[in-house]
N, C-alpha and C. Protein backbone atom coordinates (compact mmCIF):
# COMPACT_ATOMS: atom_id res chain seq x y z
N MET A 1 0.69 -1.19 0.26
CA MET A 1 0.04 -0.01 0.08
C MET A 1 0.80 1.33 0.17
N GLY A 2 2.07 1.33 0.77
CA GLY A 2 2.99 2.26 0.74
C GLY A 2 3.50 2.79 -0.34
N PHE A 3 3.80 1.51 -1.31
CA PHE A 3 4.68 1.73 -2.37
C PHE A 3 3.57 2.28 -3.60
N HIS A 4 2.40 2.14 -3.64
CA HIS A 4 1.49 2.80 -4.28
C HIS A 4 0.99 4.27 -4.06
N PHE A 5 0.90 4.45 -2.72
CA PHE A 5 0.95 5.89 -2.41
C PHE A 5 2.37 6.47 -2.42
N ARG A 6 3.33 6.25 -2.45
CA ARG A 6 4.56 6.95 -2.64
C ARG A 6 4.68 7.14 -4.46
N ALA A 7 4.60 6.24 -5.15
CA ALA A 7 4.32 6.19 -6.72
C ALA A 7 3.52 7.23 -7.21
N LEU A 8 2.22 7.31 -6.45
CA LEU A 8 1.10 8.15 -6.91
C LEU A 8 1.75 9.73 -6.68
N ALA A 9 2.13 9.72 -5.66
CA ALA A 9 2.75 11.14 -5.28
C ALA A 9 3.64 11.65 -5.93
N LYS A 10 4.73 10.72 -6.61
CA LYS A 10 5.75 10.99 -7.55
C LYS A 10 5.13 11.41 -8.57
N SER A 11 3.90 10.72 -9.08
CA SER A 11 3.54 10.53 -10.36
C SER A 11 2.72 12.30 -10.55
N ALA A 12 1.87 12.29 -9.40
CA ALA A 12 1.36 13.66 -9.27
C ALA A 12 2.32 14.99 -8.99
N SER A 13 3.59 14.74 -8.51
CA SER A 13 4.65 15.78 -8.58
C SER A 13 4.80 16.06 -10.09
N GLY A 14 4.88 15.04 -10.71
CA GLY A 14 5.50 15.28 -12.21
C GLY A 14 4.56 15.47 -12.84
N MET A 15 3.30 15.21 -12.77
CA MET A 15 2.21 15.95 -13.46
C MET A 15 2.18 17.31 -13.53
N ALA A 16 2.42 17.83 -12.13
CA ALA A 16 2.43 19.53 -11.90
C ALA A 16 3.51 20.13 -12.81
N VAL A 17 4.60 19.44 -12.16
CA VAL A 17 5.82 20.08 -13.14
C VAL A 17 5.55 19.98 -14.77
N GLY A 18 5.06 19.01 -15.07
CA GLY A 18 5.10 18.78 -16.48
C GLY A 18 3.75 19.70 -17.12
N GLY A 19 2.99 19.84 -16.40
CA GLY A 19 1.86 20.70 -16.93
C GLY A 19 2.11 22.21 -17.16
N LEU A 20 2.72 22.70 -15.78
CA LEU A 20 3.29 23.93 -15.70
C LEU A 20 4.40 24.31 -17.00
N ALA A 21 5.17 23.39 -16.82
CA ALA A 21 6.47 23.56 -18.11
C ALA A 21 5.92 23.40 -19.49
N THR A 22 5.01 22.63 -19.73
CA THR A 22 4.28 22.65 -21.14
C THR A 22 3.55 23.81 -21.43
N GLN A 23 2.72 24.25 -20.40
CA GLN A 23 1.58 25.49 -20.77
C GLN A 23 2.49 26.73 -20.92
N GLN A 24 3.57 26.76 -20.10
CA GLN A 24 4.47 28.04 -20.39
C GLN A 24 5.15 28.11 -21.83
N LEU A 25 5.83 26.95 -22.09
CA LEU A 25 6.59 26.56 -23.34
C LEU A 25 5.91 26.93 -24.44
N PHE A 26 4.75 26.33 -24.56
CA PHE A 26 3.81 26.31 -25.81
C PHE A 26 2.98 27.59 -25.99
N HIS A 27 3.12 28.69 -24.87
CA HIS A 27 2.45 29.67 -25.11
C HIS A 27 3.40 30.94 -25.25
N LEU A 28 4.21 30.78 -26.15
CA LEU A 28 5.47 31.68 -26.42
C LEU A 28 5.22 32.96 -27.63
N SER A 29 4.07 32.54 -28.18
CA SER A 29 3.56 33.20 -29.34
C SER A 29 3.72 34.67 -29.48
N GLU A 30 3.13 34.87 -28.41
CA GLU A 30 3.00 36.80 -28.35
C GLU A 30 4.08 37.32 -27.17
N ALA A 31 5.03 36.34 -26.97
CA ALA A 31 6.35 36.38 -26.22
C ALA A 31 7.11 37.69 -26.99
N VAL A 32 7.65 38.38 -26.32
CA VAL A 32 8.66 39.42 -27.07
C VAL A 32 10.29 39.68 -26.17
N ALA A 33 10.94 39.17 -26.63
CA ALA A 33 11.93 38.58 -26.18
C ALA A 33 13.36 39.88 -26.68
N PHE A 34 13.96 40.65 -26.07
CA PHE A 34 14.65 42.05 -26.14
C PHE A 34 13.97 42.65 -27.54
N THR A 35 12.63 42.73 -27.10
CA THR A 35 12.05 43.69 -28.31
C THR A 35 12.07 43.15 -29.47
N LEU A 36 12.31 41.77 -29.70
CA LEU A 36 12.12 41.07 -31.04
C LEU A 36 10.75 40.26 -31.03
N LYS A 37 10.20 40.29 -32.15
CA LYS A 37 8.65 39.60 -32.14
C LYS A 37 8.90 38.90 -33.46
N ALA A 38 8.40 37.79 -33.57
CA ALA A 38 7.99 36.70 -34.54
C ALA A 38 7.36 36.80 -35.45
N THR A 39 7.63 37.61 -36.86
CA THR A 39 6.70 38.14 -37.33
C THR A 39 6.25 37.25 -38.69
N THR A 40 7.44 36.27 -39.36
CA THR A 40 7.23 36.00 -40.53
C THR A 40 7.23 34.36 -39.82
N MET A 41 6.79 33.51 -41.16
CA MET A 41 6.55 32.04 -40.55
C MET A 41 7.85 31.66 -39.99
N LEU A 42 8.74 31.81 -40.97
CA LEU A 42 9.83 31.06 -40.20
C LEU A 42 10.40 31.22 -39.11
N GLU A 43 10.11 32.65 -38.68
CA GLU A 43 10.27 33.17 -37.05
C GLU A 43 9.17 32.28 -36.26
N ARG A 44 8.15 32.35 -36.71
CA ARG A 44 7.15 31.48 -35.95
C ARG A 44 7.16 30.11 -35.44
N LEU A 45 7.71 29.59 -36.66
CA LEU A 45 8.39 28.21 -36.79
C LEU A 45 9.62 28.07 -35.82
N GLY A 46 10.20 29.14 -35.78
CA GLY A 46 11.41 28.86 -34.81
C GLY A 46 11.48 28.98 -33.19
N SER A 47 10.28 29.59 -33.14
CA SER A 47 9.64 30.12 -31.79
C SER A 47 9.22 28.57 -31.23
N VAL A 48 8.31 28.07 -32.19
CA VAL A 48 7.86 26.69 -31.71
C VAL A 48 8.87 25.89 -31.45
N LEU A 49 9.89 25.54 -32.58
CA LEU A 49 11.20 24.83 -32.04
C LEU A 49 11.72 25.24 -31.09
N VAL A 50 11.92 26.26 -30.55
CA VAL A 50 12.31 26.46 -29.21
C VAL A 50 11.80 25.93 -28.32
N ALA A 51 10.36 26.11 -28.04
CA ALA A 51 9.57 25.14 -27.23
C ALA A 51 9.70 23.97 -27.15
N VAL A 52 9.76 23.31 -28.13
CA VAL A 52 9.78 21.88 -28.59
C VAL A 52 11.08 21.31 -27.97
N VAL A 53 12.34 22.26 -28.12
CA VAL A 53 13.56 21.69 -27.61
C VAL A 53 13.89 21.58 -26.28
N LEU A 54 13.16 22.87 -25.64
CA LEU A 54 13.07 23.01 -24.26
C LEU A 54 12.30 21.88 -23.50
N PHE A 55 11.12 21.80 -24.38
CA PHE A 55 10.25 20.44 -23.30
C PHE A 55 11.06 19.51 -23.42
N VAL A 56 11.74 18.82 -24.66
CA VAL A 56 12.38 17.94 -24.78
C VAL A 56 13.57 17.84 -23.64
N VAL A 57 14.31 18.84 -23.44
CA VAL A 57 15.37 18.90 -22.55
C VAL A 57 14.58 18.92 -21.04
N LEU A 58 13.74 19.19 -20.73
CA LEU A 58 13.18 19.20 -19.21
C LEU A 58 12.52 17.69 -19.43
N ALA A 59 11.85 17.03 -20.18
CA ALA A 59 11.35 15.26 -20.22
C ALA A 59 12.77 14.53 -20.00
N TYR A 60 13.86 14.95 -20.43
CA TYR A 60 15.28 14.48 -20.33
C TYR A 60 15.63 14.33 -19.20
N LEU A 61 15.71 15.41 -18.51
CA LEU A 61 16.03 15.91 -17.31
C LEU A 61 15.11 15.18 -16.34
N ALA A 62 13.71 14.94 -16.46
CA ALA A 62 12.76 14.55 -15.58
C ALA A 62 12.98 12.74 -15.80
N PHE A 63 13.56 12.30 -16.72
CA PHE A 63 13.91 11.04 -17.22
C PHE A 63 14.93 10.71 -16.10
N HIS A 64 16.13 11.23 -16.15
CA HIS A 64 17.41 10.93 -15.61
C HIS A 64 17.67 11.13 -14.48
N PHE A 65 16.90 12.02 -13.76
CA PHE A 65 16.99 12.63 -12.72
C PHE A 65 16.43 12.25 -11.16
N PHE A 66 15.07 11.91 -12.16
CA PHE A 66 13.61 11.56 -10.86
C PHE A 66 13.31 10.22 -11.11
N SER A 67 12.54 9.87 -10.42
CA SER A 67 11.77 8.37 -10.44
C SER A 67 10.82 8.22 -11.79
N ARG A 68 10.90 6.78 -12.17
CA ARG A 68 10.02 6.66 -13.21
C ARG A 68 8.68 7.16 -12.85
N SER A 69 8.12 7.27 -11.47
CA SER A 69 6.70 7.64 -11.58
C SER A 69 6.65 9.23 -11.58
N PHE A 70 7.42 10.12 -11.30
CA PHE A 70 7.87 11.29 -11.99
C PHE A 70 7.96 11.66 -13.19
N PHE A 71 8.54 10.87 -13.78
CA PHE A 71 8.69 10.78 -15.30
C PHE A 71 7.28 10.58 -16.03
N HIS A 72 6.71 9.72 -15.88
CA HIS A 72 5.32 9.19 -16.38
C HIS A 72 4.31 10.33 -15.94
N GLY A 73 4.34 10.81 -14.81
CA GLY A 73 3.45 11.94 -14.51
C GLY A 73 3.72 13.35 -15.32
N PHE A 74 4.62 13.27 -15.59
CA PHE A 74 5.28 14.61 -16.34
C PHE A 74 4.68 14.41 -18.01
N ILE A 75 5.11 13.47 -18.72
CA ILE A 75 4.59 12.99 -19.89
C ILE A 75 3.24 13.08 -19.57
N VAL A 76 2.10 12.65 -18.96
CA VAL A 76 0.86 12.61 -19.01
C VAL A 76 0.36 14.00 -18.72
N ALA A 77 1.23 15.05 -17.90
CA ALA A 77 0.65 16.16 -17.70
C ALA A 77 1.08 17.20 -19.12
N ALA A 78 1.75 16.87 -19.55
CA ALA A 78 2.11 17.71 -20.77
C ALA A 78 1.65 17.26 -22.05
N GLY A 79 1.17 15.45 -22.11
CA GLY A 79 0.20 15.40 -22.90
C GLY A 79 -1.30 15.82 -22.99
N LEU A 80 -1.73 15.98 -21.82
CA LEU A 80 -3.02 16.76 -21.08
C LEU A 80 -2.99 17.95 -21.61
N ILE A 81 -2.04 18.93 -21.18
CA ILE A 81 -2.21 20.17 -21.42
C ILE A 81 -1.90 20.40 -22.85
N LEU A 82 -1.13 19.62 -23.91
CA LEU A 82 -1.02 19.74 -25.16
C LEU A 82 -2.56 19.56 -25.97
N SER A 83 -3.16 18.49 -25.57
CA SER A 83 -4.17 18.07 -25.98
C SER A 83 -5.44 19.07 -25.88
N LEU A 84 -5.71 19.06 -24.36
CA LEU A 84 -6.92 19.84 -23.96
C LEU A 84 -6.89 21.43 -23.92
N ASP A 85 -5.49 22.01 -23.83
CA ASP A 85 -5.56 23.04 -24.15
C ASP A 85 -5.96 23.48 -25.69
N ILE A 86 -5.37 23.19 -26.62
CA ILE A 86 -5.47 23.18 -27.91
C ILE A 86 -7.12 22.78 -28.31
N VAL A 87 -7.63 21.77 -27.67
CA VAL A 87 -8.76 21.56 -28.17
C VAL A 87 -10.07 22.54 -28.01
N LEU A 88 -9.66 22.84 -26.51
CA LEU A 88 -10.59 23.87 -25.56
C LEU A 88 -10.36 25.34 -25.68
N LEU A 89 -9.23 25.82 -25.51
CA LEU A 89 -8.75 27.12 -25.50
C LEU A 89 -8.62 27.60 -26.76
N HIS A 90 -7.81 26.54 -27.97
CA HIS A 90 -7.60 26.86 -29.32
C HIS A 90 -8.78 26.89 -30.00
N TRP A 91 -9.51 25.78 -30.03
CA TRP A 91 -10.35 25.32 -31.14
C TRP A 91 -12.01 25.85 -30.50
N LEU A 92 -12.21 25.22 -29.39
CA LEU A 92 -13.65 25.38 -29.14
C LEU A 92 -13.87 27.04 -28.79
N PHE A 93 -13.16 27.53 -27.80
CA PHE A 93 -13.26 28.93 -27.22
C PHE A 93 -12.36 30.04 -28.08
N GLN A 94 -11.83 29.58 -29.16
CA GLN A 94 -10.93 30.64 -30.04
C GLN A 94 -10.02 31.36 -29.24
N LEU A 95 -9.63 31.30 -27.95
CA LEU A 95 -9.05 32.54 -27.29
C LEU A 95 -7.59 32.99 -27.74
N HIS A 96 -6.82 31.81 -28.43
CA HIS A 96 -5.68 31.99 -29.29
C HIS A 96 -5.06 30.80 -30.40
N ARG A 97 -4.20 31.21 -30.76
CA ARG A 97 -3.73 29.82 -31.39
C ARG A 97 -2.16 29.76 -30.89
N ILE A 98 -1.38 28.59 -31.63
CA ILE A 98 -0.01 28.38 -31.09
C ILE A 98 0.71 29.46 -31.96
N THR A 99 0.33 29.96 -33.27
CA THR A 99 0.76 31.06 -33.89
C THR A 99 -0.44 31.65 -34.44
N ASN A 100 0.35 32.90 -34.86
CA ASN A 100 -0.64 33.71 -35.42
C ASN A 100 -0.63 33.65 -37.16
N GLY A 101 -0.21 32.79 -37.43
CA GLY A 101 -0.31 32.16 -39.06
C GLY A 101 -0.82 31.24 -39.66
N PRO A 102 -0.84 30.56 -40.74
CA PRO A 102 -1.62 29.68 -41.49
C PRO A 102 -0.57 28.30 -40.88
N GLU A 103 0.41 28.29 -40.29
CA GLU A 103 1.30 27.19 -39.85
C GLU A 103 0.45 26.43 -38.75
N ALA A 104 -0.34 27.16 -38.05
CA ALA A 104 -0.94 26.82 -36.87
C ALA A 104 -1.92 25.80 -37.24
N ASP A 105 -2.39 25.83 -38.51
CA ASP A 105 -3.56 24.77 -38.81
C ASP A 105 -2.81 23.63 -39.32
N VAL A 106 -1.34 23.29 -39.29
CA VAL A 106 -0.83 22.01 -39.25
C VAL A 106 -0.41 21.72 -37.82
N LEU A 107 0.40 22.79 -37.08
CA LEU A 107 0.90 22.54 -35.97
C LEU A 107 -0.19 21.93 -35.00
N GLU A 108 -1.22 22.44 -34.77
CA GLU A 108 -2.04 22.10 -33.70
C GLU A 108 -2.91 20.79 -33.72
N PRO A 109 -3.27 20.35 -34.89
CA PRO A 109 -3.52 18.96 -34.96
C PRO A 109 -2.48 18.01 -34.73
N LEU A 110 -1.26 18.27 -34.98
CA LEU A 110 -0.06 17.62 -35.06
C LEU A 110 -0.01 17.55 -33.18
N PHE A 111 0.08 18.48 -32.90
CA PHE A 111 0.35 18.32 -31.33
C PHE A 111 -0.98 17.71 -30.45
N VAL A 112 -1.96 17.96 -30.98
CA VAL A 112 -3.16 17.22 -30.22
C VAL A 112 -2.80 15.76 -30.44
N VAL A 113 -2.33 15.08 -31.49
CA VAL A 113 -2.07 13.85 -31.53
C VAL A 113 -0.85 13.33 -30.72
N CYS A 114 0.29 14.30 -30.82
CA CYS A 114 1.13 14.03 -29.59
C CYS A 114 0.74 14.09 -28.15
N GLY A 115 -0.13 15.18 -27.95
CA GLY A 115 -0.55 15.01 -26.61
C GLY A 115 -1.49 13.89 -26.12
N ILE A 116 -2.23 13.45 -27.13
CA ILE A 116 -2.95 12.10 -26.76
C ILE A 116 -2.01 10.98 -26.70
N ALA A 117 -0.97 11.19 -27.64
CA ALA A 117 0.12 9.76 -27.41
C ALA A 117 0.69 9.89 -26.15
N LEU A 118 1.48 10.95 -25.72
CA LEU A 118 1.99 11.03 -24.34
C LEU A 118 1.15 10.36 -23.47
N THR A 119 0.07 10.87 -23.59
CA THR A 119 -1.01 10.60 -22.36
C THR A 119 -1.01 9.44 -22.11
N ILE A 120 -1.51 8.62 -23.49
CA ILE A 120 -1.74 7.32 -23.47
C ILE A 120 -0.33 6.45 -22.87
N ILE A 121 0.59 6.80 -23.51
CA ILE A 121 1.97 5.99 -23.11
C ILE A 121 2.19 6.25 -21.53
N GLY A 122 2.26 7.64 -21.12
CA GLY A 122 2.57 7.85 -19.74
C GLY A 122 1.63 6.83 -18.79
N VAL A 123 0.08 6.98 -19.28
CA VAL A 123 -0.63 6.28 -18.05
C VAL A 123 -0.56 4.56 -18.48
N LYS A 124 -0.09 3.98 -19.40
CA LYS A 124 0.41 2.63 -19.69
C LYS A 124 1.26 2.32 -18.67
N ARG A 125 2.46 2.85 -18.86
CA ARG A 125 3.82 2.92 -18.46
C ARG A 125 3.64 2.77 -16.78
N GLU A 126 2.89 3.92 -16.50
CA GLU A 126 2.67 3.92 -14.88
C GLU A 126 1.79 2.61 -14.49
N SER A 127 0.84 2.49 -15.31
CA SER A 127 -0.06 1.28 -14.82
C SER A 127 0.83 -0.09 -14.35
N ALA A 128 1.57 -0.05 -15.55
CA ALA A 128 2.30 -1.06 -15.72
C ALA A 128 3.77 -1.26 -14.57
N ALA A 129 3.90 -0.21 -14.40
CA ALA A 129 4.74 0.19 -13.23
C ALA A 129 4.03 -0.34 -11.64
N MET A 130 3.03 0.04 -11.53
CA MET A 130 2.57 0.00 -10.46
C MET A 130 2.17 -1.36 -10.33
N GLN A 131 1.88 -2.39 -11.18
CA GLN A 131 1.64 -3.83 -11.07
C GLN A 131 2.73 -4.40 -10.68
N VAL A 132 3.98 -4.11 -10.71
CA VAL A 132 4.70 -4.87 -10.32
C VAL A 132 5.07 -4.76 -9.01
N THR A 133 5.10 -5.63 -8.00
CA THR A 133 5.40 -5.46 -6.46
C THR A 133 6.92 -5.51 -6.31
N PRO A 134 7.42 -4.86 -5.12
CA PRO A 134 8.49 -5.03 -4.71
C PRO A 134 8.84 -6.44 -3.71
N ASN A 135 10.02 -7.00 -4.31
CA ASN A 135 10.00 -8.26 -3.43
C ASN A 135 10.77 -7.97 -2.00
């Protein structure tokens, strides 16, 4: 019983970190750094690429320096944020887009699919890990 509670707590902390990181990294389209603003398609795609690279670095750090439960929670949260944020806030309520250009029509469905995949992978791996009982 104690093993499952610890794993759940680590997974929940990973979800919190992953959710916050993903929410912040993928909403950089309106960010202005050093008075520079992404105005062309290439610049907007570059800003999305920076966010993707930072997410991969954070996922790498979560995988190598924290428990597997933390990592699984991290990728589940990232997947939920990617998919639910885009479907609800971008498409349903039309509050904002990933970018302000036509590339958002390709990027957003791609990120929804990636988000769903991350969520499924994280849940399945954590469920499999919790089935294993320590000796």
